[in-house]
Protein backbone atom coordinates (compact mmCIF):
# COMPACT_ATOMS: atom_id res chain seq x y z
CA GLU A 1 -22.44 -20.26 -9.97
CA HIS A 2 -21.54 -24.00 -10.72
CA LEU A 3 -21.44 -25.06 -7.07
CA LYS A 4 -24.85 -23.33 -6.40
CA LYS A 5 -26.44 -26.01 -8.76
CA THR A 6 -24.13 -28.87 -7.60
CA ARG A 7 -25.57 -31.78 -5.62
CA LEU A 8 -22.26 -33.58 -5.25
CA PHE A 9 -18.76 -32.26 -5.31
CA VAL A 10 -15.96 -34.64 -5.56
CA LEU A 11 -12.34 -34.19 -5.07
CA CYS A 12 -10.87 -36.89 -7.40
CA GLY A 13 -7.42 -38.27 -7.13
CA GLY A 14 -4.17 -36.68 -6.73
CA THR A 15 -2.51 -35.37 -3.43
CA LEU A 16 -4.65 -32.47 -3.05
CA ILE A 17 -4.45 -32.28 0.87
CA GLN A 18 -0.72 -31.13 1.20
CA ASN A 19 1.31 -28.00 1.30
CA SER A 20 4.81 -29.55 0.31
CA THR A 21 4.89 -26.82 -2.49
CA SER A 22 3.06 -24.05 -0.85
CA ASN A 23 -0.35 -23.39 0.95
CA ARG A 24 -2.19 -22.40 -2.09
CA SER A 25 -3.49 -25.99 -2.87
CA LEU A 26 -4.87 -26.40 0.65
CA THR A 27 -6.37 -22.70 0.64
CA TYR A 28 -8.01 -23.31 -2.74
CA TYR A 29 -9.49 -26.80 -1.92
CA HIS A 30 -10.62 -25.41 1.60
CA THR A 31 -12.49 -22.64 -0.21
CA LEU A 32 -14.25 -24.90 -2.71
CA CYS A 33 -15.32 -27.38 -0.03
CA SER A 34 -16.58 -24.49 2.24
CA LEU A 35 -18.64 -22.99 -0.76
CA ALA A 36 -19.86 -26.57 -1.58
CA LYS A 37 -21.01 -26.96 1.87
CA LYS A 38 -22.60 -23.58 2.00
CA TYR A 39 -24.93 -24.41 -1.02
CA GLY A 40 -25.88 -27.49 0.42
CA ALA A 41 -23.78 -29.90 -1.89
CA ARG A 42 -22.62 -33.35 -0.55
CA ILE A 43 -18.58 -33.60 -0.71
CA MET A 44 -16.67 -36.55 -1.52
CA ILE A 45 -13.00 -37.30 -1.85
CA TRP A 46 -12.06 -40.25 -4.24
CA GLY A 47 -8.71 -41.85 -4.11
CA GLY A 48 -7.15 -38.70 -2.45
CA GLY A 49 -3.67 -38.76 -0.93
CA VAL A 50 -3.01 -36.68 2.29
CA GLY A 51 0.27 -35.02 3.07
CA PRO A 52 2.85 -34.05 3.70
CA ILE A 53 1.51 -31.31 5.91
CA PHE A 54 3.67 -28.68 7.35
CA GLY A 55 2.60 -26.10 9.98
CA GLU A 56 -0.20 -25.93 12.37
CA ASN A 57 -2.35 -23.59 10.13
CA ALA A 58 -1.88 -26.05 7.50
CA ALA A 59 -3.18 -28.93 9.40
CA ASP A 60 -6.09 -26.92 10.55
CA LEU A 61 -7.14 -26.41 6.76
CA ALA A 62 -6.59 -30.15 6.09
CA ALA A 63 -8.84 -31.23 8.88
CA ASP A 64 -11.42 -28.82 7.90
CA ILE A 65 -11.53 -30.11 4.35
CA ILE A 66 -11.66 -33.82 5.32
CA GLU A 67 -14.20 -33.01 8.13
CA ASP A 68 -16.38 -31.08 5.54
CA CYS A 69 -16.63 -34.40 3.38
CA ASP A 70 -19.45 -36.78 3.71
CA ALA A 71 -17.13 -39.45 2.48
CA ALA A 72 -13.26 -39.42 2.26
CA GLY A 73 -11.73 -42.22 0.14
CA ILE A 74 -8.08 -42.11 1.04
CA ARG A 75 -5.58 -43.50 -1.38
CA ASP A 76 -3.00 -45.40 0.73
CA GLU A 77 -2.22 -46.38 4.33
CA ARG A 78 0.36 -43.51 4.95
CA SER A 79 -2.16 -40.85 3.83
CA MET A 80 -4.75 -42.73 5.95
CA ARG A 81 -2.59 -42.44 9.18
CA ARG A 82 -2.00 -38.57 8.32
CA ALA A 83 -5.65 -38.13 7.95
CA LYS A 84 -6.39 -39.69 11.43
CA ALA A 85 -3.43 -37.96 13.13
CA LEU A 86 -5.08 -34.69 12.25
CA GLY A 87 -7.55 -35.34 15.17
CA ILE A 88 -10.86 -35.56 13.44
CA GLU A 89 -13.92 -37.83 13.23
CA THR A 90 -12.82 -41.00 11.29
CA GLY A 91 -16.13 -42.83 10.58
CA HIS A 92 -16.45 -41.41 7.08
CA LEU A 93 -12.90 -42.38 5.96
CA TYR A 94 -12.23 -45.47 3.89
CA ALA A 95 -9.71 -46.87 1.48
CA SER A 96 -10.02 -46.09 -2.14
CA ALA A 97 -7.55 -46.47 -5.00
CA ASP A 98 -6.34 -43.61 -7.15
CA ALA A 99 -9.04 -42.93 -9.65
CA ALA A 100 -6.32 -42.50 -12.50
CA LEU A 101 -6.14 -46.33 -12.11
CA LEU A 102 -9.44 -46.50 -14.26
CA THR A 103 -7.73 -44.42 -17.26
CA PRO A 104 -8.41 -46.47 -20.42
CA ALA A 105 -5.62 -46.99 -23.19
CA LEU A 106 -5.99 -44.72 -26.26
CA PRO A 107 -4.28 -45.52 -29.64
CA LEU A 108 -0.94 -43.72 -29.94
CA PRO A 109 -0.72 -41.03 -32.90
CA ALA A 110 0.62 -41.98 -36.17
CA GLY A 111 4.25 -43.05 -36.21
CA GLY A 112 4.19 -43.73 -32.33
CA ALA A 113 4.07 -47.59 -32.43
CA LEU A 114 6.89 -49.19 -30.58
CA ARG A 115 8.64 -52.34 -30.95
CA SER A 116 7.78 -54.54 -27.86
CA GLY A 117 10.74 -55.48 -25.43
CA ASN A 118 13.53 -53.22 -26.51
CA CYS A 119 12.72 -50.09 -24.63
CA PHE A 120 11.75 -48.77 -21.13
CA ALA A 121 10.16 -45.37 -20.29
CA VAL A 122 11.67 -42.73 -18.02
CA CYS A 123 9.32 -40.17 -16.38
CA PRO A 124 11.31 -37.47 -14.75
CA ARG A 125 10.20 -34.07 -13.00
CA SER A 126 11.64 -31.06 -11.34
CA ILE A 127 11.81 -31.43 -7.58
CA ALA A 128 12.91 -27.89 -7.13
CA GLY A 129 11.01 -26.08 -4.06
CA LEU A 130 9.33 -29.29 -2.64
CA LYS A 131 9.57 -29.76 1.10
CA ARG A 132 10.09 -33.43 2.38
CA GLU A 133 9.48 -34.94 5.77
CA GLY A 134 13.01 -35.56 6.73
CA ALA A 135 16.15 -34.85 4.57
CA ASP A 136 15.72 -32.63 1.52
CA VAL A 137 16.56 -33.81 -1.91
CA ASN A 138 18.82 -31.98 -4.02
CA GLU A 139 17.38 -31.37 -7.70
CA LYS A 140 20.89 -31.73 -9.26
CA ASP A 141 21.70 -34.70 -7.22
CA MET A 142 18.52 -36.30 -8.24
CA GLN A 143 18.84 -35.53 -11.83
CA SER A 144 22.48 -37.05 -11.71
CA LEU A 145 21.13 -40.02 -9.93
CA LEU A 146 18.44 -40.62 -12.53
CA VAL A 147 20.96 -39.98 -15.45
CA ASN A 148 23.29 -42.43 -14.26
CA ALA A 149 20.98 -45.14 -13.57
CA VAL A 150 19.27 -44.82 -16.96
CA ARG A 151 22.63 -44.96 -18.73
CA ARG A 152 23.75 -48.08 -16.96
CA ILE A 153 20.52 -49.85 -17.47
CA ALA A 154 20.70 -49.01 -21.24
CA ASP A 155 24.18 -50.04 -21.57
CA LYS A 156 23.91 -53.14 -19.58
CA TYR A 157 20.70 -54.66 -21.17
CA LYS A 158 20.94 -52.84 -24.62
CA ILE A 159 17.61 -51.34 -24.33
CA THR A 160 16.50 -47.86 -25.26
CA PRO A 161 15.23 -45.40 -22.75
CA LEU A 162 12.27 -43.24 -23.69
CA TRP A 163 12.11 -39.92 -21.91
CA LEU A 164 8.46 -39.44 -21.42
CA PRO A 165 7.04 -36.18 -20.22
CA LEU A 166 3.77 -36.53 -18.01
CA ALA A 167 3.17 -32.74 -17.64
CA GLU A 168 3.97 -29.63 -19.78
CA ASP A 169 6.90 -28.60 -17.44
CA ASP A 170 8.41 -31.90 -18.15
CA VAL A 171 9.01 -31.46 -21.91
CA ALA A 172 12.03 -29.28 -21.76
CA LEU A 173 13.35 -31.57 -18.88
CA CYS A 174 13.07 -34.85 -20.70
CA ARG A 175 15.14 -33.19 -23.63
CA LYS A 176 17.64 -31.83 -21.27
CA LEU A 177 18.30 -35.19 -19.51
CA CYS A 178 18.11 -37.09 -22.62
CA ARG A 179 21.05 -34.99 -24.00
CA LYS A 180 22.93 -35.22 -20.87
CA CYS A 181 22.32 -39.06 -20.68
CA GLY A 182 23.47 -39.57 -24.18
CA ARG A 183 20.83 -42.46 -24.48
CA GLY A 184 17.36 -42.94 -26.03
CA ARG A 185 14.96 -40.42 -27.34
CA GLY A 186 12.78 -37.71 -25.79
CA MET A 187 8.95 -38.58 -26.35
CA PRO A 188 6.31 -35.89 -27.03
CA ARG A 189 3.81 -34.84 -24.73
CA LEU A 190 0.82 -37.57 -24.86
CA GLN A 191 -2.72 -38.01 -23.41
CA ALA A 192 -2.95 -40.07 -20.42
CA GLY A 193 -4.56 -42.94 -22.49
CA GLU A 194 -1.90 -42.63 -25.08
CA VAL A 195 0.84 -42.68 -22.31
CA ILE A 196 -0.59 -46.15 -21.11
CA SER A 197 -0.53 -47.67 -24.83
CA LEU A 198 3.04 -46.42 -25.02
CA LEU A 199 3.92 -48.05 -21.82
CA GLU A 200 2.39 -51.30 -22.94
CA GLY A 201 5.21 -51.46 -25.51
CA CYS A 202 7.87 -51.08 -22.62
CA LEU A 203 9.53 -53.60 -20.29
CA PHE A 204 9.27 -51.20 -17.31
CA SER A 205 9.52 -47.70 -16.26
CA VAL A 206 11.76 -45.56 -14.03
CA THR A 207 9.60 -42.76 -12.69
CA ILE A 208 10.03 -39.78 -10.29
CA ARG A 209 6.25 -38.67 -11.06
CA LEU A 210 3.53 -40.56 -9.09
CA HIS A 211 1.56 -41.04 -12.40
CA GLY A 212 4.46 -42.64 -14.06
CA ALA A 213 3.77 -45.50 -11.48
CA VAL A 214 0.14 -45.28 -11.75
CA PHE A 215 0.22 -45.53 -15.65
CA SER A 216 2.68 -48.24 -15.55
CA SER A 217 0.15 -50.22 -13.15
CA CYS A 218 -2.42 -49.61 -15.88
CA ALA A 219 -0.06 -50.98 -18.63
CA GLY A 220 0.66 -54.06 -16.56
CA ILE A 221 4.47 -53.19 -16.46
CA PRO A 222 6.74 -52.80 -13.51
CA ALA A 223 7.80 -49.29 -12.23
CA ILE A 224 11.07 -48.32 -10.51
CA CYS A 225 10.00 -45.45 -8.24
CA LEU A 226 12.54 -42.79 -7.24
CA PRO A 227 10.99 -41.29 -3.92
CA TYR A 228 11.24 -37.81 -4.16
CA ASP A 229 7.80 -37.40 -2.37
CA PRO A 230 6.01 -39.77 0.24
CA LYS A 231 3.27 -40.24 -2.27
CA VAL A 232 5.45 -42.07 -4.56
CA GLU A 233 6.72 -44.27 -1.82
CA SER A 234 3.28 -45.03 -0.44
CA PHE A 235 1.88 -45.97 -4.07
CA ALA A 236 5.13 -48.34 -4.33
CA GLU A 237 4.24 -49.83 -1.11
CA CYS A 238 0.74 -50.69 -2.13
CA ALA A 239 1.39 -51.83 -5.67
């Protein structure tokens, strides 16, 4: 019903055109774009990522989504190459930054203030079930790599790691890795703007999540990215 009344349908940010987890994302956005086109809405991608895309059927869905767009703002050069490799018309493609870079900072909840200069943020995520282009990354190995790196940084520089969940699924993981590391403290789940305010009090971040790097840029601090996924590598290359 909403699409029947819509004049402009925007797919905003994120890596929506991919099937590294499953084909559900591609199928969902393909369906929405097809309906929007049917009802006469104009379609736009704003700061979207493309790929990885596995399989011919998935590539056909991805090509249809991008071709249905009147304008397709692609987030990074690697995604742009993937989009062009789908064999589609490219006149409506253009470079566009991730929309999350426009997120404004919000005040932290009471008791959330940080002492500047004595901490760094850690933004983990589970990588179980994710397909990669090239060698797969083992979940246990990635967690061990992260924990050992955080422990070394904390001990060498005498600074406190803040284990920061960026999604609901990360809350328990942050607690688990904090216990395993034996350093720092787990943070509560915060709104995006609050995350930026917290990061402004950190020296830098260590992140497996893309938006850990994006919000670090918003906060004006460096991010050390662990490239579980090409979108994280692509953002690091552009930052």
